Amino acid sequence: MNCSDRASRPRDFLDVVVIGEALIDVVASPEGTSEHPGGSPANVAYGLGLLGVTTGLLTALGDDGRGAAIEAHLNSVGVTLLPGSHSLDRTSSATATLAPDGSASYDFDVVWDLEPVAPAYIPKVLHTGSIATFLAPGAGAVKTLLQHCRHECTITYDPNIRPALLGSHAEAQSTFQDLIDLTDVVKLSDEDAKWLYPRKDLDEIATHLLGLGAGLAVITQGSQGSLLATPAARLHIPAVESTVADTIGAGDSYMAALIMGLLTRAADGLAPAVVEQLGRTASMAAAITVRRPGANPPTTEELRAHLEQRAGV
């Protein structure tokens, strides 16, 4: 996140900086195979761009056709690719195989390395997660950036667990818990939560995350809604009913809308009414995404229209 070279970036300030992998999703389905820009952090950045949030992504791409496709994809919604992001010999990829119910399983060809950088300014929100926080050698640089920015901005984290790329369960859990102390908001899917803490139920996991230092713990449960917990309140937000095309990118759309809500909340902080609105907005964003194929999050206008329509029902 070395943003001191003003000539190398088109904006004087970014509300959100996302740090993490960008890769090509190779989607294999009964209809054939296609390629799309992806990677959880890149999807979050893209979703934020569609929601009108000034966003930069610090990532690691190859100087190749796939890297160029990812950069063009991000630029199309106004996301800034930060200096140092072209650092690999080749761009990473993940192959997603779709099941008949629209769920996806993944195989990865991923290298994650990040130049050592120090932030020259602090955004309002710093987001990270997924492979970038676990996979050496880049994970160490991510942790260093979080340490630089701790207490200076809101830090959000979505581990987006990919067991195939992790070491032992104990190592992964330790890495995750070390980062919680550096973050303000942590979001897990119920699958992530159960993989990390197989002996705890979701309420116990939320309590554990708060005990580790998170100010807001979010656990999404697909069609069962989402749990949002703070030290003062615990809310269950129902899911918005949807006809599912596939689930690719749904969690990332939820995360992008959650970050947007954190940016636009008033002085009430994480009061229960604020947390409820955060959850309802993020749930709607995810519901819109699953209705169409691929990581295809909503625009600001789409999200607002759906929220207004639901409020009027």
Protein backbone atom coordinates (compact mmCIF):
# COMPACT_ATOMS: atom_id res chain seq x y z
CA MET A 1 0.00 0.00 0.00
CA ASN A 2 2.83 2.35 -0.83
CA CYS A 3 0.77 5.24 -2.10
CA SER A 4 3.36 7.99 -1.79
CA ASP A 5 3.90 8.23 -5.57
CA ARG A 6 0.92 10.41 -6.41
CA ALA A 7 1.70 10.35 -10.13
CA SER A 8 1.19 6.59 -10.22
CA ARG A 9 -2.38 6.65 -8.96
CA PRO A 10 -5.40 8.56 -10.30
CA ARG A 11 -6.97 9.51 -6.96
CA ASP A 12 -5.64 11.57 -4.09
CA PHE A 13 -7.45 9.46 -1.52
CA LEU A 14 -9.11 6.09 -1.39
CA ASP A 15 -11.89 5.36 1.09
CA VAL A 16 -11.04 1.64 1.05
CA VAL A 17 -7.86 -0.27 0.36
CA VAL A 18 -8.21 -4.03 -0.19
CA ILE A 19 -5.14 -6.24 0.19
CA GLY A 20 -5.22 -9.74 -1.21
CA GLU A 21 -5.17 -12.09 -4.13
CA ALA A 22 -6.62 -11.49 -7.57
CA LEU A 23 -6.77 -14.48 -9.87
CA ILE A 24 -8.61 -16.01 -12.79
CA ASP A 25 -11.60 -18.19 -11.95
CA VAL A 26 -11.88 -21.05 -14.43
CA VAL A 27 -15.51 -22.16 -14.11
CA ALA A 28 -16.29 -25.72 -15.21
CA SER A 29 -20.00 -26.52 -15.54
CA PRO A 30 -22.15 -28.89 -17.60
CA GLU A 31 -22.40 -26.11 -20.22
CA GLY A 32 -18.61 -25.86 -20.66
CA THR A 33 -15.62 -23.93 -19.30
CA SER A 34 -15.17 -20.17 -19.03
CA GLU A 35 -12.68 -17.78 -17.44
CA HIS A 36 -13.50 -14.76 -15.26
CA PRO A 37 -11.49 -12.43 -13.02
CA GLY A 38 -11.86 -13.49 -9.39
CA GLY A 39 -10.22 -14.02 -6.03
CA SER A 40 -12.12 -13.07 -2.90
CA PRO A 41 -10.31 -9.77 -2.13
CA ALA A 42 -10.48 -8.70 -5.80
CA ASN A 43 -14.19 -9.55 -5.83
CA VAL A 44 -14.72 -7.39 -2.74
CA ALA A 45 -12.85 -4.51 -4.40
CA TYR A 46 -14.92 -4.93 -7.57
CA GLY A 47 -18.13 -5.00 -5.54
CA LEU A 48 -17.11 -1.81 -3.75
CA GLY A 49 -16.40 -0.14 -7.08
CA LEU A 50 -19.90 -0.99 -8.31
CA LEU A 51 -21.28 0.46 -5.08
CA GLY A 52 -19.54 3.77 -5.81
CA VAL A 53 -16.84 3.46 -3.14
CA THR A 54 -13.40 4.83 -4.06
CA THR A 55 -11.30 1.69 -3.75
CA GLY A 56 -7.75 0.51 -4.37
CA LEU A 57 -6.46 -3.05 -4.56
CA LEU A 58 -2.96 -4.14 -3.59
CA THR A 59 -2.42 -7.58 -5.09
CA ALA A 60 0.06 -9.76 -7.00
CA LEU A 61 -0.42 -10.34 -10.74
CA GLY A 62 1.69 -11.64 -13.59
CA ASP A 63 2.57 -9.46 -16.57
CA ASP A 64 0.41 -11.61 -18.83
CA GLY A 65 -2.96 -11.73 -20.53
CA ARG A 66 -4.76 -12.93 -17.43
CA GLY A 67 -3.24 -10.15 -15.36
CA ALA A 68 -4.28 -7.59 -17.98
CA ALA A 69 -7.83 -9.00 -17.97
CA ILE A 70 -8.04 -8.62 -14.18
CA GLU A 71 -6.74 -5.04 -14.29
CA ALA A 72 -9.22 -4.07 -17.02
CA HIS A 73 -12.04 -5.70 -15.04
CA LEU A 74 -11.19 -3.67 -11.94
CA ASN A 75 -10.63 -0.45 -13.84
CA SER A 76 -14.04 -0.80 -15.47
CA VAL A 77 -15.69 0.01 -12.12
CA GLY A 78 -13.13 2.58 -11.02
CA VAL A 79 -10.97 0.38 -8.78
CA THR A 80 -7.33 1.50 -8.65
CA LEU A 81 -4.67 -1.20 -8.96
CA LEU A 82 -2.01 0.00 -6.53
CA PRO A 83 1.72 0.21 -7.37
CA GLY A 84 3.63 -3.04 -6.87
CA SER A 85 0.72 -5.25 -7.91
CA HIS A 86 2.47 -6.64 -11.03
CA SER A 87 5.04 -8.78 -9.23
CA LEU A 88 4.59 -12.41 -10.33
CA ASP A 89 5.84 -14.49 -13.25
CA ARG A 90 2.27 -15.59 -13.99
CA THR A 91 -1.21 -14.76 -12.76
CA SER A 92 -2.76 -17.27 -10.38
CA SER A 93 -5.91 -19.24 -11.14
CA ALA A 94 -8.64 -21.22 -9.40
CA THR A 95 -10.84 -23.79 -11.09
CA ALA A 96 -14.41 -23.83 -9.77
CA THR A 97 -16.49 -26.91 -10.55
CA LEU A 98 -20.21 -26.27 -10.23
CA ALA A 99 -22.54 -28.88 -8.73
CA PRO A 100 -26.18 -29.22 -9.89
CA ASP A 101 -27.36 -27.10 -6.93
CA GLY A 102 -25.10 -24.21 -7.96
CA SER A 103 -22.52 -24.71 -5.19
CA ALA A 104 -18.85 -24.66 -6.15
CA SER A 105 -15.73 -26.67 -5.26
CA TYR A 106 -12.26 -25.27 -6.01
CA ASP A 107 -8.79 -26.33 -7.17
CA PHE A 108 -6.01 -23.73 -7.00
CA ASP A 109 -2.84 -22.79 -8.85
CA VAL A 110 -1.85 -19.86 -6.65
CA VAL A 111 1.36 -18.02 -5.82
CA TRP A 112 1.07 -15.20 -3.28
CA ASP A 113 3.96 -12.82 -2.78
CA LEU A 114 3.83 -9.14 -1.91
CA GLU A 115 6.51 -6.48 -1.98
CA PRO A 116 7.30 -5.11 1.51
CA VAL A 117 5.43 -1.80 1.60
CA ALA A 118 4.60 0.82 4.20
CA PRO A 119 1.43 2.92 3.98
CA ALA A 120 2.03 6.59 3.19
CA TYR A 121 -1.57 7.38 4.13
CA ILE A 122 -4.33 5.51 5.88
CA PRO A 123 -7.71 4.80 4.19
CA LYS A 124 -10.98 4.88 6.09
CA VAL A 125 -11.27 1.08 5.79
CA LEU A 126 -8.57 -1.49 5.17
CA HIS A 127 -9.88 -4.91 4.13
CA THR A 128 -8.04 -8.19 3.72
CA GLY A 129 -8.70 -11.89 3.76
CA SER A 130 -8.68 -15.25 2.08
CA ILE A 131 -5.54 -16.90 0.71
CA ALA A 132 -3.54 -13.70 1.17
CA THR A 133 -3.62 -13.95 4.96
CA PHE A 134 -2.47 -17.58 5.13
CA LEU A 135 -0.14 -18.32 2.21
CA ALA A 136 3.58 -17.55 2.58
CA PRO A 137 5.49 -15.52 1.74
CA GLY A 138 2.89 -12.78 1.13
CA ALA A 139 0.92 -13.41 4.33
CA GLY A 140 3.72 -11.91 6.41
CA ALA A 141 3.58 -8.66 4.45
CA VAL A 142 -0.19 -8.50 4.92
CA LYS A 143 0.15 -8.88 8.68
CA THR A 144 2.77 -6.12 8.75
CA LEU A 145 0.41 -3.76 6.94
CA LEU A 146 -2.37 -4.51 9.41
CA GLN A 147 0.00 -3.76 12.26
CA HIS A 148 0.90 -0.41 10.65
CA CYS A 149 -2.76 0.56 10.29
CA ARG A 150 -4.14 -0.80 13.58
CA HIS A 151 -6.03 1.90 15.53
CA GLU A 152 -5.71 4.27 12.55
CA CYS A 153 -8.68 3.03 10.51
CA THR A 154 -11.39 0.37 10.48
CA ILE A 155 -9.89 -3.00 9.55
CA THR A 156 -12.13 -5.74 8.18
CA TYR A 157 -11.23 -9.39 7.63
CA ASP A 158 -12.85 -12.33 5.85
CA PRO A 159 -10.69 -15.48 6.09
CA ASN A 160 -12.66 -17.23 3.32
CA ILE A 161 -11.09 -20.55 4.30
CA ARG A 162 -9.65 -22.70 1.50
CA PRO A 163 -8.46 -25.90 3.26
CA ALA A 164 -6.61 -27.14 0.18
CA LEU A 165 -4.17 -24.23 0.46
CA LEU A 166 -3.65 -24.26 4.22
CA GLY A 167 -1.23 -26.15 6.41
CA SER A 168 -2.47 -28.00 9.45
CA HIS A 169 -5.71 -27.04 11.15
CA ALA A 170 -3.80 -25.86 14.21
CA GLU A 171 -1.52 -23.61 12.11
CA ALA A 172 -4.44 -22.10 10.22
CA GLN A 173 -6.42 -21.47 13.40
CA SER A 174 -3.40 -19.82 15.02
CA THR A 175 -2.82 -17.56 11.99
CA PHE A 176 -6.49 -16.58 11.94
CA GLN A 177 -6.62 -15.79 15.64
CA ASP A 178 -3.42 -13.72 15.51
CA LEU A 179 -5.05 -11.50 12.88
CA ILE A 180 -8.32 -11.06 14.77
CA ASP A 181 -6.51 -8.97 17.36
CA LEU A 182 -5.54 -6.58 14.52
CA THR A 183 -9.06 -6.21 13.11
CA ASP A 184 -12.33 -4.51 14.00
CA VAL A 185 -14.80 -6.53 11.93
CA VAL A 186 -14.49 -10.21 11.04
CA LYS A 187 -16.85 -12.08 8.72
CA LEU A 188 -16.96 -15.85 8.28
CA SER A 189 -19.27 -18.16 6.42
CA ASP A 190 -20.79 -20.90 8.54
CA GLU A 191 -18.51 -23.34 6.68
CA ASP A 192 -15.46 -21.27 7.65
CA ALA A 193 -16.63 -21.09 11.24
CA LYS A 194 -17.29 -24.82 11.55
CA TRP A 195 -13.95 -25.68 9.93
CA LEU A 196 -12.05 -23.40 12.31
CA TYR A 197 -14.01 -24.40 15.43
CA PRO A 198 -15.66 -27.79 14.86
CA ARG A 199 -16.57 -28.23 18.55
CA LYS A 200 -18.40 -24.90 18.92
CA ASP A 201 -21.82 -23.80 17.70
CA LEU A 202 -22.16 -20.52 15.81
CA ASP A 203 -23.18 -18.49 18.87
CA GLU A 204 -20.16 -19.79 20.74
CA ILE A 205 -17.92 -18.97 17.79
CA ALA A 206 -19.26 -15.40 17.64
CA THR A 207 -18.58 -15.00 21.35
CA HIS A 208 -15.08 -16.39 20.88
CA LEU A 209 -14.32 -13.93 18.06
CA LEU A 210 -15.46 -11.00 20.21
CA GLY A 211 -13.25 -12.30 23.00
CA LEU A 212 -10.28 -12.29 20.62
CA GLY A 213 -10.80 -8.57 20.02
CA ALA A 214 -13.28 -8.16 17.17
CA GLY A 215 -15.79 -5.33 17.63
CA LEU A 216 -18.26 -6.95 15.22
CA ALA A 217 -18.40 -10.66 14.39
CA VAL A 218 -20.48 -11.73 11.39
CA ILE A 219 -21.28 -15.32 10.45
CA THR A 220 -23.23 -15.85 7.25
CA GLN A 221 -25.42 -18.95 6.88
CA GLY A 222 -26.62 -18.89 3.27
CA SER A 223 -30.36 -19.35 3.08
CA GLN A 224 -30.51 -19.39 6.90
CA GLY A 225 -29.50 -15.73 7.12
CA SER A 226 -26.63 -14.24 9.09
CA LEU A 227 -25.59 -13.71 12.69
CA LEU A 228 -24.14 -10.32 13.67
CA ALA A 229 -22.71 -9.94 17.16
CA THR A 230 -21.14 -7.10 19.12
CA PRO A 231 -20.25 -7.02 22.81
CA ALA A 232 -23.62 -5.28 23.40
CA ALA A 233 -26.00 -7.04 21.01
CA ARG A 234 -26.61 -10.19 18.98
CA LEU A 235 -28.87 -10.13 15.93
CA HIS A 236 -30.05 -12.72 13.43
CA ILE A 237 -30.83 -11.25 10.01
CA PRO A 238 -32.98 -13.46 7.77
CA ALA A 239 -31.81 -14.18 4.25
CA VAL A 240 -33.61 -12.64 1.29
CA GLU A 241 -35.36 -15.34 -0.73
CA SER A 242 -33.68 -15.94 -4.08
CA THR A 243 -33.66 -18.36 -6.97
CA VAL A 244 -30.03 -19.46 -6.99
CA ALA A 245 -28.04 -19.52 -10.23
CA ASP A 246 -24.81 -20.20 -8.31
CA THR A 247 -23.16 -19.05 -5.10
CA ILE A 248 -19.91 -17.72 -6.60
CA GLY A 249 -19.09 -14.33 -5.13
CA ALA A 250 -22.08 -14.16 -2.77
CA GLY A 251 -19.93 -13.85 0.36
CA ASP A 252 -17.76 -11.22 -1.33
CA SER A 253 -20.83 -9.18 -2.31
CA TYR A 254 -22.01 -9.43 1.29
CA MET A 255 -18.59 -8.20 2.46
CA ALA A 256 -18.51 -5.28 0.00
CA ALA A 257 -21.95 -4.09 1.08
CA LEU A 258 -20.96 -4.49 4.74
CA ILE A 259 -17.90 -2.28 4.18
CA MET A 260 -20.01 0.31 2.36
CA GLY A 261 -22.36 0.35 5.34
CA LEU A 262 -19.46 0.82 7.75
CA LEU A 263 -18.33 3.82 5.71
CA THR A 264 -21.75 5.47 5.66
CA ARG A 265 -22.93 4.81 9.23
CA ALA A 266 -23.49 7.86 11.36
CA ALA A 267 -22.12 8.58 14.83
CA ASP A 268 -24.07 5.69 16.35
CA GLY A 269 -21.14 3.31 15.82
CA LEU A 270 -22.31 -0.27 16.21
CA ALA A 271 -25.60 0.38 17.98
CA PRO A 272 -28.12 -2.45 17.42
CA ALA A 273 -30.12 -0.45 14.84
CA VAL A 274 -26.92 0.24 12.89
CA VAL A 275 -25.86 -3.41 12.99
CA GLU A 276 -29.31 -4.50 11.82
CA GLN A 277 -29.15 -2.14 8.83
CA LEU A 278 -25.63 -3.35 8.00
CA GLY A 279 -26.88 -6.95 7.99
CA ARG A 280 -30.00 -6.27 5.93
CA THR A 281 -28.08 -4.32 3.29
CA ALA A 282 -25.35 -6.96 3.02
CA SER A 283 -27.91 -9.78 2.86
CA MET A 284 -29.69 -8.06 -0.02
CA ALA A 285 -26.42 -7.64 -1.92
CA ALA A 286 -25.71 -11.36 -1.56
CA ALA A 287 -29.24 -12.27 -2.63
CA ILE A 288 -28.94 -10.23 -5.82
CA THR A 289 -25.60 -11.87 -6.60
CA VAL A 290 -26.77 -15.48 -6.29
CA ARG A 291 -29.60 -14.85 -8.75
CA ARG A 292 -27.14 -14.57 -11.64
CA PRO A 293 -24.13 -16.61 -12.72
CA GLY A 294 -20.61 -15.84 -11.51
CA ALA A 295 -19.27 -13.16 -9.18
CA ASN A 296 -21.72 -10.52 -10.39
CA PRO A 297 -22.48 -8.10 -7.52
CA PRO A 298 -25.05 -5.29 -7.61
CA THR A 299 -24.57 -1.64 -8.44
CA THR A 300 -25.56 1.07 -5.98
CA GLU A 301 -28.75 1.68 -7.94
CA GLU A 302 -29.72 -2.00 -7.98
CA LEU A 303 -29.08 -2.42 -4.29
CA ARG A 304 -30.98 0.72 -3.36
CA ALA A 305 -33.94 -0.22 -5.55
CA HIS A 306 -34.19 -3.72 -4.06
CA LEU A 307 -33.93 -2.38 -0.51
CA GLU A 308 -36.63 0.21 -1.16
CA GLN A 309 -38.86 -2.38 -2.76
CA ARG A 310 -38.44 -4.72 0.20
CA ALA A 311 -39.11 -1.91 2.68
CA GLY A 312 -42.33 -1.12 0.84
CA VAL A 313 -43.63 -4.71 0.93
